[in-house]
Amino acid sequence: MQNETKARIDQITSPAGHSVAVLRFEGDIASTSKEAVLGTYQTLPKDSSRLVLLDFSKVEYINSSGIALVIQMLIEASNSGQKVFAFGLSPHFTKVFTMVGITKYAGLFPREADAMAAL
């Protein structure tokens, strides 16, 4: 049984004083998560959301369809000139994201503090 995907956006400020949009995901990410993943991302104002963090710390499972949604979101972000970092992935999903090439579009970090320090 898949856990419903939930997403919310927090606006925070980086140590350098830049505005950062944090997309916080919760539950499982699968094909049924399109609105939560892409829909939530697409509500970000592209002109003022140059820095984006993806919080996967409360995501329990991501299947191949969910990975495809994340990749689609990252391609949109890249095309919009946004800088994206992700954090909170389990070691398994860090390895999977690296294997499928997500690191070309987003830096991966263990914790939010590590991602913020890289901004």
C-alpha atoms as a PDB file:
ATOM      1  CA  MET A   1       0.000   0.000   0.000  1.00  0.00           C
ATOM      2  CA  GLN A   2       1.463   3.318  -1.075  1.00  0.00           C
ATOM      3  CA  ASN A   3       1.560   6.178   1.405  1.00  0.00           C
ATOM      4  CA  GLU A   4       0.092   9.375  -0.016  1.00  0.00           C
ATOM      5  CA  THR A   5       2.633  11.924  -1.173  1.00  0.00           C
ATOM      6  CA  LYS A   6       2.422  15.239   0.598  1.00  0.00           C
ATOM      7  CA  ALA A   7       4.393  18.340  -0.311  1.00  0.00           C
ATOM      8  CA  ARG A   8       4.751  21.824   1.062  1.00  0.00           C
ATOM      9  CA  ILE A   9       6.966  24.805   0.337  1.00  0.00           C
ATOM     10  CA  ASP A  10       8.928  26.685   2.986  1.00  0.00           C
ATOM     11  CA  GLN A  11      10.763  29.926   2.239  1.00  0.00           C
ATOM     12  CA  ILE A  12      14.002  30.272   4.183  1.00  0.00           C
ATOM     13  CA  THR A  13      17.115  32.431   3.936  1.00  0.00           C
ATOM     14  CA  SER A  14      20.573  31.031   3.206  1.00  0.00           C
ATOM     15  CA  PRO A  15      23.578  31.980   5.361  1.00  0.00           C
ATOM     16  CA  ALA A  16      24.535  34.380   2.544  1.00  0.00           C
ATOM     17  CA  GLY A  17      21.136  36.079   2.756  1.00  0.00           C
ATOM     18  CA  HIS A  18      19.579  34.542  -0.381  1.00  0.00           C
ATOM     19  CA  SER A  19      15.962  33.440  -0.518  1.00  0.00           C
ATOM     20  CA  VAL A  20      15.660  29.645  -0.728  1.00  0.00           C
ATOM     21  CA  ALA A  21      12.532  27.641  -1.564  1.00  0.00           C
ATOM     22  CA  VAL A  22      12.427  24.304   0.252  1.00  0.00           C
ATOM     23  CA  LEU A  23      10.097  21.653  -1.177  1.00  0.00           C
ATOM     24  CA  ARG A  24       9.394  19.218   1.652  1.00  0.00           C
ATOM     25  CA  PHE A  25       8.066  15.840   0.538  1.00  0.00           C
ATOM     26  CA  GLU A  26       6.492  13.182   2.742  1.00  0.00           C
ATOM     27  CA  GLY A  27       5.214   9.654   2.094  1.00  0.00           C
ATOM     28  CA  ASP A  28       5.987   7.615  -1.023  1.00  0.00           C
ATOM     29  CA  ILE A  29       6.846   9.067  -4.433  1.00  0.00           C
ATOM     30  CA  ALA A  30       5.362   7.106  -7.348  1.00  0.00           C
ATOM     31  CA  SER A  31       3.388   7.674 -10.548  1.00  0.00           C
ATOM     32  CA  THR A  32       0.419   8.927  -8.488  1.00  0.00           C
ATOM     33  CA  SER A  33       2.632  11.688  -7.029  1.00  0.00           C
ATOM     34  CA  LYS A  34       2.698  13.901 -10.125  1.00  0.00           C
ATOM     35  CA  GLU A  35       0.599  16.698  -8.603  1.00  0.00           C
ATOM     36  CA  ALA A  36       2.521  16.648  -5.318  1.00  0.00           C
ATOM     37  CA  VAL A  37       5.937  16.658  -6.984  1.00  0.00           C
ATOM     38  CA  LEU A  38       5.584  18.544 -10.282  1.00  0.00           C
ATOM     39  CA  GLY A  39       2.483  20.514  -9.317  1.00  0.00           C
ATOM     40  CA  THR A  40       4.088  21.829  -6.131  1.00  0.00           C
ATOM     41  CA  TYR A  41       7.344  22.648  -7.920  1.00  0.00           C
ATOM     42  CA  GLN A  42       5.516  24.458 -10.730  1.00  0.00           C
ATOM     43  CA  THR A  43       3.856  26.843  -8.238  1.00  0.00           C
ATOM     44  CA  LEU A  44       7.259  28.336  -7.408  1.00  0.00           C
ATOM     45  CA  PRO A  45       7.801  31.773  -8.916  1.00  0.00           C
ATOM     46  CA  LYS A  46      10.765  31.084 -11.220  1.00  0.00           C
ATOM     47  CA  ASP A  47      12.118  34.650 -11.081  1.00  0.00           C
ATOM     48  CA  SER A  48      12.405  34.785  -7.269  1.00  0.00           C
ATOM     49  CA  SER A  49      13.118  31.093  -6.572  1.00  0.00           C
ATOM     50  CA  ARG A  50      16.642  30.787  -7.946  1.00  0.00           C
ATOM     51  CA  LEU A  51      17.734  28.413  -5.146  1.00  0.00           C
ATOM     52  CA  VAL A  52      15.685  25.297  -4.440  1.00  0.00           C
ATOM     53  CA  LEU A  53      16.180  22.596  -1.827  1.00  0.00           C
ATOM     54  CA  LEU A  54      14.373  19.262  -2.059  1.00  0.00           C
ATOM     55  CA  ASP A  55      13.739  17.658   1.334  1.00  0.00           C
ATOM     56  CA  PHE A  56      13.377  13.879   1.118  1.00  0.00           C
ATOM     57  CA  SER A  57      13.888  13.231   4.843  1.00  0.00           C
ATOM     58  CA  LYS A  58      10.263  12.089   5.322  1.00  0.00           C
ATOM     59  CA  VAL A  59      10.002  10.110   2.086  1.00  0.00           C
ATOM     60  CA  GLU A  60       9.695   6.414   2.771  1.00  0.00           C
ATOM     61  CA  TYR A  61       9.906   4.992  -0.751  1.00  0.00           C
ATOM     62  CA  ILE A  62      10.524   6.166  -4.330  1.00  0.00           C
ATOM     63  CA  ASN A  63       9.784   3.834  -7.232  1.00  0.00           C
ATOM     64  CA  SER A  64      11.017   4.191 -10.821  1.00  0.00           C
ATOM     65  CA  SER A  65       7.985   6.302 -11.808  1.00  0.00           C
ATOM     66  CA  GLY A  66       8.698   8.586  -8.856  1.00  0.00           C
ATOM     67  CA  ILE A  67      12.328   8.928  -9.901  1.00  0.00           C
ATOM     68  CA  ALA A  68      11.126   9.889 -13.388  1.00  0.00           C
ATOM     69  CA  LEU A  69       8.969  12.659 -11.836  1.00  0.00           C
ATOM     70  CA  VAL A  70      11.959  13.955  -9.856  1.00  0.00           C
ATOM     71  CA  ILE A  71      14.086  13.946 -13.016  1.00  0.00           C
ATOM     72  CA  GLN A  72      11.374  15.825 -14.936  1.00  0.00           C
ATOM     73  CA  MET A  73      11.230  18.429 -12.146  1.00  0.00           C
ATOM     74  CA  LEU A  74      15.018  18.798 -12.169  1.00  0.00           C
ATOM     75  CA  ILE A  75      15.110  19.256 -15.949  1.00  0.00           C
ATOM     76  CA  GLU A  76      12.492  22.022 -15.639  1.00  0.00           C
ATOM     77  CA  ALA A  77      14.567  23.633 -12.881  1.00  0.00           C
ATOM     78  CA  SER A  78      17.722  23.420 -14.987  1.00  0.00           C
ATOM     79  CA  ASN A  79      15.925  24.973 -17.972  1.00  0.00           C
ATOM     80  CA  SER A  80      14.744  27.802 -15.670  1.00  0.00           C
ATOM     81  CA  GLY A  81      18.292  28.447 -14.442  1.00  0.00           C
ATOM     82  CA  GLN A  82      17.533  27.326 -10.899  1.00  0.00           C
ATOM     83  CA  LYS A  83      20.158  25.788  -8.640  1.00  0.00           C
ATOM     84  CA  VAL A  84      18.809  22.673  -6.893  1.00  0.00           C
ATOM     85  CA  PHE A  85      20.132  20.662  -3.967  1.00  0.00           C
ATOM     86  CA  ALA A  86      18.504  17.621  -2.391  1.00  0.00           C
ATOM     87  CA  PHE A  87      18.928  16.253   1.105  1.00  0.00           C
ATOM     88  CA  GLY A  88      17.548  13.645   3.445  1.00  0.00           C
ATOM     89  CA  LEU A  89      17.774  10.682   1.076  1.00  0.00           C
ATOM     90  CA  SER A  90      18.518   7.269   2.549  1.00  0.00           C
ATOM     91  CA  PRO A  91      21.904   5.813   1.565  1.00  0.00           C
ATOM     92  CA  HIS A  92      20.076   3.473  -0.847  1.00  0.00           C
ATOM     93  CA  PHE A  93      18.284   6.299  -2.670  1.00  0.00           C
ATOM     94  CA  THR A  94      21.433   8.450  -2.673  1.00  0.00           C
ATOM     95  CA  LYS A  95      23.092   5.596  -4.560  1.00  0.00           C
ATOM     96  CA  VAL A  96      20.101   5.186  -6.926  1.00  0.00           C
ATOM     97  CA  PHE A  97      19.928   8.944  -7.631  1.00  0.00           C
ATOM     98  CA  THR A  98      23.659   8.936  -8.384  1.00  0.00           C
ATOM     99  CA  MET A  99      23.363   5.889 -10.673  1.00  0.00           C
ATOM    100  CA  VAL A 100      20.541   7.426 -12.748  1.00  0.00           C
ATOM    101  CA  GLY A 101      22.414  10.714 -13.215  1.00  0.00           C
ATOM    102  CA  ILE A 102      20.405  13.014 -10.960  1.00  0.00           C
ATOM    103  CA  THR A 103      23.670  14.470  -9.671  1.00  0.00           C
ATOM    104  CA  LYS A 104      24.036  16.237 -13.040  1.00  0.00           C
ATOM    105  CA  TYR A 105      21.037  18.365 -12.041  1.00  0.00           C
ATOM    106  CA  ALA A 106      21.166  18.496  -8.241  1.00  0.00           C
ATOM    107  CA  GLY A 107      23.736  18.241  -5.497  1.00  0.00           C
ATOM    108  CA  LEU A 108      22.955  15.537  -2.923  1.00  0.00           C
ATOM    109  CA  PHE A 109      23.538  16.114   0.765  1.00  0.00           C
ATOM    110  CA  PRO A 110      22.799  14.084   3.899  1.00  0.00           C
ATOM    111  CA  ARG A 111      21.230  16.930   5.921  1.00  0.00           C
ATOM    112  CA  GLU A 112      19.600  20.316   5.356  1.00  0.00           C
ATOM    113  CA  ALA A 113      22.488  22.079   7.112  1.00  0.00           C
ATOM    114  CA  ASP A 114      24.956  20.496   4.662  1.00  0.00           C
ATOM    115  CA  ALA A 115      22.892  21.626   1.663  1.00  0.00           C
ATOM    116  CA  MET A 116      22.528  25.149   3.096  1.00  0.00           C
ATOM    117  CA  ALA A 117      26.290  25.364   3.658  1.00  0.00           C
ATOM    118  CA  ALA A 118      26.833  24.555  -0.029  1.00  0.00           C
ATOM    119  CA  LEU A 119      24.684  27.481  -1.163  1.00  0.00           C
END
